[in-house]
Amino acid sequence: MDLDDIRPLKKSEIVIGEDLALLSVAELEHRVHLLESEIVRIREAIAAKQSSKAAADAFFRS
């Protein structure tokens, strides 16, 4: 068993404002895909929180 087999995988880190000149087209496209997926995840979290807030507001108004 190699150390690579037991070492946890690193999350890919995207640094906002990082110099993109050294990245390949494939790496840039992958980065765009990751960021778009994260935007969807964040928007879903916002919608869930807004829904919870609306339900709480409605409960306390009645």
PDB file of N, CA and C in Angstrom:
ATOM      1  N   MET A   1       0.851  -1.173   0.000  1.00  0.00           N
ATOM      2  CA  MET A   1       0.000   0.000   0.000  1.00  0.00           C
ATOM      3  C   MET A   1       0.899   1.239   0.000  1.00  0.00           C
ATOM      4  N   ASP A   2       0.637   2.147  -0.925  1.00  0.00           N
ATOM      5  CA  ASP A   2       1.384   3.401  -1.008  1.00  0.00           C
ATOM      6  C   ASP A   2       0.749   4.451  -0.117  1.00  0.00           C
ATOM      7  N   LEU A   3       1.529   5.462   0.224  1.00  0.00           N
ATOM      8  CA  LEU A   3       0.972   6.584   0.979  1.00  0.00           C
ATOM      9  C   LEU A   3      -0.121   7.278   0.191  1.00  0.00           C
ATOM     10  N   ASP A   4      -0.028   7.241  -1.135  1.00  0.00           N
ATOM     11  CA  ASP A   4      -1.056   7.855  -1.977  1.00  0.00           C
ATOM     12  C   ASP A   4      -2.415   7.195  -1.773  1.00  0.00           C
ATOM     13  N   ASP A   5      -2.400   5.926  -1.398  1.00  0.00           N
ATOM     14  CA  ASP A   5      -3.649   5.201  -1.203  1.00  0.00           C
ATOM     15  C   ASP A   5      -4.380   5.617   0.072  1.00  0.00           C
ATOM     16  N   ILE A   6      -3.654   6.099   1.065  1.00  0.00           N
ATOM     17  CA  ILE A   6      -4.289   6.442   2.332  1.00  0.00           C
ATOM     18  C   ILE A   6      -4.387   7.946   2.572  1.00  0.00           C
ATOM     19  N   ARG A   7      -3.676   8.717   1.792  1.00  0.00           N
ATOM     20  CA  ARG A   7      -3.718  10.167   1.950  1.00  0.00           C
ATOM     21  C   ARG A   7      -5.037  10.701   1.409  1.00  0.00           C
ATOM     22  N   PRO A   8      -5.715  11.581   2.167  1.00  0.00           N
ATOM     23  CA  PRO A   8      -6.982  12.125   1.658  1.00  0.00           C
ATOM     24  C   PRO A   8      -6.751  12.977   0.417  1.00  0.00           C
ATOM     25  N   LEU A   9      -7.701  12.918  -0.479  1.00  0.00           N
ATOM     26  CA  LEU A   9      -7.603  13.726  -1.686  1.00  0.00           C
ATOM     27  C   LEU A   9      -7.823  15.187  -1.338  1.00  0.00           C
ATOM     28  N   LYS A  10      -7.035  16.053  -1.965  1.00  0.00           N
ATOM     29  CA  LYS A  10      -7.209  17.486  -1.757  1.00  0.00           C
ATOM     30  C   LYS A  10      -8.384  17.970  -2.582  1.00  0.00           C
ATOM     31  N   LYS A  11      -9.124  18.905  -2.012  1.00  0.00           N
ATOM     32  CA  LYS A  11     -10.168  19.561  -2.789  1.00  0.00           C
ATOM     33  C   LYS A  11      -9.470  20.493  -3.764  1.00  0.00           C
ATOM     34  N   SER A  12     -10.025  20.608  -4.935  1.00  0.00           N
ATOM     35  CA  SER A  12      -9.423  21.554  -5.862  1.00  0.00           C
ATOM     36  C   SER A  12      -9.692  22.956  -5.344  1.00  0.00           C
ATOM     37  N   GLU A  13      -8.647  23.744  -5.295  1.00  0.00           N
ATOM     38  CA  GLU A  13      -8.779  25.096  -4.790  1.00  0.00           C
ATOM     39  C   GLU A  13      -8.778  26.068  -5.947  1.00  0.00           C
ATOM     40  N   ILE A  14      -9.747  26.940  -5.936  1.00  0.00           N
ATOM     41  CA  ILE A  14      -9.814  28.010  -6.916  1.00  0.00           C
ATOM     42  C   ILE A  14      -9.629  29.299  -6.153  1.00  0.00           C
ATOM     43  N   VAL A  15      -8.620  30.037  -6.539  1.00  0.00           N
ATOM     44  CA  VAL A  15      -8.343  31.302  -5.879  1.00  0.00           C
ATOM     45  C   VAL A  15      -8.862  32.414  -6.779  1.00  0.00           C
ATOM     46  N   ILE A  16      -9.815  33.172  -6.253  1.00  0.00           N
ATOM     47  CA  ILE A  16     -10.382  34.275  -7.018  1.00  0.00           C
ATOM     48  C   ILE A  16      -9.291  35.307  -7.275  1.00  0.00           C
ATOM     49  N   GLY A  17      -9.164  35.731  -8.520  1.00  0.00           N
ATOM     50  CA  GLY A  17      -8.161  36.722  -8.890  1.00  0.00           C
ATOM     51  C   GLY A  17      -6.810  36.127  -9.247  1.00  0.00           C
ATOM     52  N   GLU A  18      -6.698  34.814  -9.189  1.00  0.00           N
ATOM     53  CA  GLU A  18      -5.450  34.130  -9.504  1.00  0.00           C
ATOM     54  C   GLU A  18      -5.083  34.351 -10.973  1.00  0.00           C
ATOM     55  N   ASP A  19      -3.793  34.424 -11.262  1.00  0.00           N
ATOM     56  CA  ASP A  19      -3.319  34.577 -12.638  1.00  0.00           C
ATOM     57  C   ASP A  19      -3.705  33.329 -13.429  1.00  0.00           C
ATOM     58  N   LEU A  20      -4.416  33.525 -14.506  1.00  0.00           N
ATOM     59  CA  LEU A  20      -4.901  32.403 -15.312  1.00  0.00           C
ATOM     60  C   LEU A  20      -3.984  32.078 -16.489  1.00  0.00           C
ATOM     61  N   ALA A  21      -2.952  32.853 -16.673  1.00  0.00           N
ATOM     62  CA  ALA A  21      -2.087  32.709 -17.839  1.00  0.00           C
ATOM     63  C   ALA A  21      -1.414  31.345 -17.917  1.00  0.00           C
ATOM     64  N   LEU A  22      -1.140  30.733 -16.793  1.00  0.00           N
ATOM     65  CA  LEU A  22      -0.423  29.460 -16.798  1.00  0.00           C
ATOM     66  C   LEU A  22      -1.335  28.244 -16.929  1.00  0.00           C
ATOM     67  N   LEU A  23      -2.641  28.459 -16.935  1.00  0.00           N
ATOM     68  CA  LEU A  23      -3.583  27.348 -17.036  1.00  0.00           C
ATOM     69  C   LEU A  23      -3.902  27.033 -18.493  1.00  0.00           C
ATOM     70  N   SER A  24      -4.107  25.757 -18.768  1.00  0.00           N
ATOM     71  CA  SER A  24      -4.475  25.336 -20.122  1.00  0.00           C
ATOM     72  C   SER A  24      -5.956  25.618 -20.362  1.00  0.00           C
ATOM     73  N   VAL A  25      -6.360  25.491 -21.614  1.00  0.00           N
ATOM     74  CA  VAL A  25      -7.769  25.671 -21.958  1.00  0.00           C
ATOM     75  C   VAL A  25      -8.616  24.645 -21.203  1.00  0.00           C
ATOM     76  N   ALA A  26      -8.158  23.411 -21.145  1.00  0.00           N
ATOM     77  CA  ALA A  26      -8.903  22.363 -20.431  1.00  0.00           C
ATOM     78  C   ALA A  26      -9.035  22.702 -18.948  1.00  0.00           C
ATOM     79  N   GLU A  27      -7.970  23.206 -18.348  1.00  0.00           N
ATOM     80  CA  GLU A  27      -8.026  23.580 -16.936  1.00  0.00           C
ATOM     81  C   GLU A  27      -8.979  24.750 -16.716  1.00  0.00           C
ATOM     82  N   LEU A  28      -8.974  25.698 -17.627  1.00  0.00           N
ATOM     83  CA  LEU A  28      -9.883  26.839 -17.523  1.00  0.00           C
ATOM     84  C   LEU A  28     -11.332  26.392 -17.671  1.00  0.00           C
ATOM     85  N   GLU A  29     -11.595  25.492 -18.628  1.00  0.00           N
ATOM     86  CA  GLU A  29     -12.953  24.981 -18.813  1.00  0.00           C
ATOM     87  C   GLU A  29     -13.409  24.197 -17.586  1.00  0.00           C
ATOM     88  N   HIS A  30     -12.501  23.424 -17.009  1.00  0.00           N
ATOM     89  CA  HIS A  30     -12.826  22.672 -15.791  1.00  0.00           C
ATOM     90  C   HIS A  30     -13.154  23.636 -14.654  1.00  0.00           C
ATOM     91  N   ARG A  31     -12.382  24.684 -14.548  1.00  0.00           N
ATOM     92  CA  ARG A  31     -12.611  25.697 -13.508  1.00  0.00           C
ATOM     93  C   ARG A  31     -13.979  26.353 -13.688  1.00  0.00           C
ATOM     94  N   VAL A  32     -14.340  26.668 -14.935  1.00  0.00           N
ATOM     95  CA  VAL A  32     -15.651  27.260 -15.215  1.00  0.00           C
ATOM     96  C   VAL A  32     -16.752  26.294 -14.785  1.00  0.00           C
ATOM     97  N   HIS A  33     -16.594  25.018 -15.113  1.00  0.00           N
ATOM     98  CA  HIS A  33     -17.589  24.011 -14.726  1.00  0.00           C
ATOM     99  C   HIS A  33     -17.736  23.946 -13.202  1.00  0.00           C
ATOM    100  N   LEU A  34     -16.618  23.933 -12.487  1.00  0.00           N
ATOM    101  CA  LEU A  34     -16.671  23.888 -11.024  1.00  0.00           C
ATOM    102  C   LEU A  34     -17.371  25.116 -10.455  1.00  0.00           C
ATOM    103  N   LEU A  35     -17.044  26.278 -10.996  1.00  0.00           N
ATOM    104  CA  LEU A  35     -17.650  27.513 -10.494  1.00  0.00           C
ATOM    105  C   LEU A  35     -19.140  27.571 -10.810  1.00  0.00           C
ATOM    106  N   GLU A  36     -19.532  27.121 -12.003  1.00  0.00           N
ATOM    107  CA  GLU A  36     -20.959  27.104 -12.347  1.00  0.00           C
ATOM    108  C   GLU A  36     -21.727  26.159 -11.426  1.00  0.00           C
ATOM    109  N   SER A  37     -21.129  25.011 -11.118  1.00  0.00           N
ATOM    110  CA  SER A  37     -21.765  24.064 -10.193  1.00  0.00           C
ATOM    111  C   SER A  37     -21.896  24.676  -8.809  1.00  0.00           C
ATOM    112  N   GLU A  38     -20.881  25.404  -8.387  1.00  0.00           N
ATOM    113  CA  GLU A  38     -20.923  26.045  -7.071  1.00  0.00           C
ATOM    114  C   GLU A  38     -21.978  27.142  -7.032  1.00  0.00           C
ATOM    115  N   ILE A  39     -22.134  27.878  -8.121  1.00  0.00           N
ATOM    116  CA  ILE A  39     -23.167  28.915  -8.190  1.00  0.00           C
ATOM    117  C   ILE A  39     -24.550  28.289  -8.037  1.00  0.00           C
ATOM    118  N   VAL A  40     -24.787  27.174  -8.705  1.00  0.00           N
ATOM    119  CA  VAL A  40     -26.075  26.476  -8.585  1.00  0.00           C
ATOM    120  C   VAL A  40     -26.302  26.042  -7.140  1.00  0.00           C
ATOM    121  N   ARG A  41     -25.277  25.497  -6.511  1.00  0.00           N
ATOM    122  CA  ARG A  41     -25.386  25.037  -5.125  1.00  0.00           C
ATOM    123  C   ARG A  41     -25.693  26.199  -4.183  1.00  0.00           C
ATOM    124  N   ILE A  42     -25.041  27.327  -4.405  1.00  0.00           N
ATOM    125  CA  ILE A  42     -25.266  28.507  -3.565  1.00  0.00           C
ATOM    126  C   ILE A  42     -26.676  29.046  -3.765  1.00  0.00           C
ATOM    127  N   ARG A  43     -27.128  29.099  -5.017  1.00  0.00           N
ATOM    128  CA  ARG A  43     -28.489  29.595  -5.285  1.00  0.00           C
ATOM    129  C   ARG A  43     -29.539  28.696  -4.648  1.00  0.00           C
ATOM    130  N   GLU A  44     -29.304  27.383  -4.644  1.00  0.00           N
ATOM    131  CA  GLU A  44     -30.232  26.461  -3.988  1.00  0.00           C
ATOM    132  C   GLU A  44     -30.253  26.701  -2.480  1.00  0.00           C
ATOM    133  N   ALA A  45     -29.108  26.973  -1.892  1.00  0.00           N
ATOM    134  CA  ALA A  45     -29.043  27.259  -0.457  1.00  0.00           C
ATOM    135  C   ALA A  45     -29.775  28.557  -0.138  1.00  0.00           C
ATOM    136  N   ILE A  46     -29.612  29.560  -0.980  1.00  0.00           N
ATOM    137  CA  ILE A  46     -30.316  30.834  -0.789  1.00  0.00           C
ATOM    138  C   ILE A  46     -31.822  30.613  -0.859  1.00  0.00           C
ATOM    139  N   ALA A  47     -32.269  29.861  -1.869  1.00  0.00           N
ATOM    140  CA  ALA A  47     -33.703  29.601  -2.028  1.00  0.00           C
ATOM    141  C   ALA A  47     -34.259  28.855  -0.816  1.00  0.00           C
ATOM    142  N   ALA A  48     -33.516  27.893  -0.305  1.00  0.00           N
ATOM    143  CA  ALA A  48     -33.970  27.137   0.865  1.00  0.00           C
ATOM    144  C   ALA A  48     -34.083  28.045   2.085  1.00  0.00           C
ATOM    145  N   LYS A  49     -33.114  28.921   2.259  1.00  0.00           N
ATOM    146  CA  LYS A  49     -33.157  29.842   3.404  1.00  0.00           C
ATOM    147  C   LYS A  49     -34.295  30.840   3.263  1.00  0.00           C
ATOM    148  N   GLN A  50     -34.529  31.318   2.048  1.00  0.00           N
ATOM    149  CA  GLN A  50     -35.634  32.251   1.830  1.00  0.00           C
ATOM    150  C   GLN A  50     -36.970  31.571   2.091  1.00  0.00           C
ATOM    151  N   SER A  51     -37.085  30.317   1.689  1.00  0.00           N
ATOM    152  CA  SER A  51     -38.311  29.561   1.923  1.00  0.00           C
ATOM    153  C   SER A  51     -38.548  29.364   3.419  1.00  0.00           C
ATOM    154  N   SER A  52     -37.491  29.027   4.142  1.00  0.00           N
ATOM    155  CA  SER A  52     -37.609  28.855   5.593  1.00  0.00           C
ATOM    156  C   SER A  52     -38.001  30.158   6.264  1.00  0.00           C
ATOM    157  N   LYS A  53     -37.416  31.250   5.826  1.00  0.00           N
ATOM    158  CA  LYS A  53     -37.732  32.558   6.401  1.00  0.00           C
ATOM    159  C   LYS A  53     -39.180  32.928   6.114  1.00  0.00           C
ATOM    160  N   ALA A  54     -39.629  32.678   4.886  1.00  0.00           N
ATOM    161  CA  ALA A  54     -41.016  32.987   4.523  1.00  0.00           C
ATOM    162  C   ALA A  54     -41.986  32.161   5.364  1.00  0.00           C
ATOM    163  N   ALA A  55     -41.669  30.894   5.587  1.00  0.00           N
ATOM    164  CA  ALA A  55     -42.527  30.035   6.408  1.00  0.00           C
ATOM    165  C   ALA A  55     -42.565  30.532   7.849  1.00  0.00           C
ATOM    166  N   ALA A  56     -41.426  30.938   8.368  1.00  0.00           N
ATOM    167  CA  ALA A  56     -41.382  31.458   9.738  1.00  0.00           C
ATOM    168  C   ALA A  56     -42.147  32.769   9.839  1.00  0.00           C
ATOM    169  N   ASP A  57     -41.977  33.638   8.864  1.00  0.00           N
ATOM    170  CA  ASP A  57     -42.714  34.910   8.858  1.00  0.00           C
ATOM    171  C   ASP A  57     -44.221  34.664   8.827  1.00  0.00           C
ATOM    172  N   ALA A  58     -44.657  33.731   7.987  1.00  0.00           N
ATOM    173  CA  ALA A  58     -46.082  33.418   7.879  1.00  0.00           C
ATOM    174  C   ALA A  58     -46.608  32.833   9.192  1.00  0.00           C
ATOM    175  N   PHE A  59     -45.817  32.005   9.838  1.00  0.00           N
ATOM    176  CA  PHE A  59     -46.229  31.395  11.101  1.00  0.00           C
ATOM    177  C   PHE A  59     -46.429  32.455  12.178  1.00  0.00           C
ATOM    178  N   PHE A  60     -45.505  33.390  12.272  1.00  0.00           N
ATOM    179  CA  PHE A  60     -45.583  34.389  13.333  1.00  0.00           C
ATOM    180  C   PHE A  60     -46.579  35.503  13.033  1.00  0.00           C
ATOM    181  N   ARG A  61     -47.020  35.630  11.798  1.00  0.00           N
ATOM    182  CA  ARG A  61     -48.051  36.614  11.451  1.00  0.00           C
ATOM    183  C   ARG A  61     -49.446  36.109  11.800  1.00  0.00           C
ATOM    184  N   SER A  62     -49.608  34.803  11.815  1.00  0.00           N
ATOM    185  CA  SER A  62     -50.950  34.249  12.047  1.00  0.00           C
ATOM    186  C   SER A  62     -51.332  34.209  13.493  1.00  0.00           C
TER     187      SER A  62
END
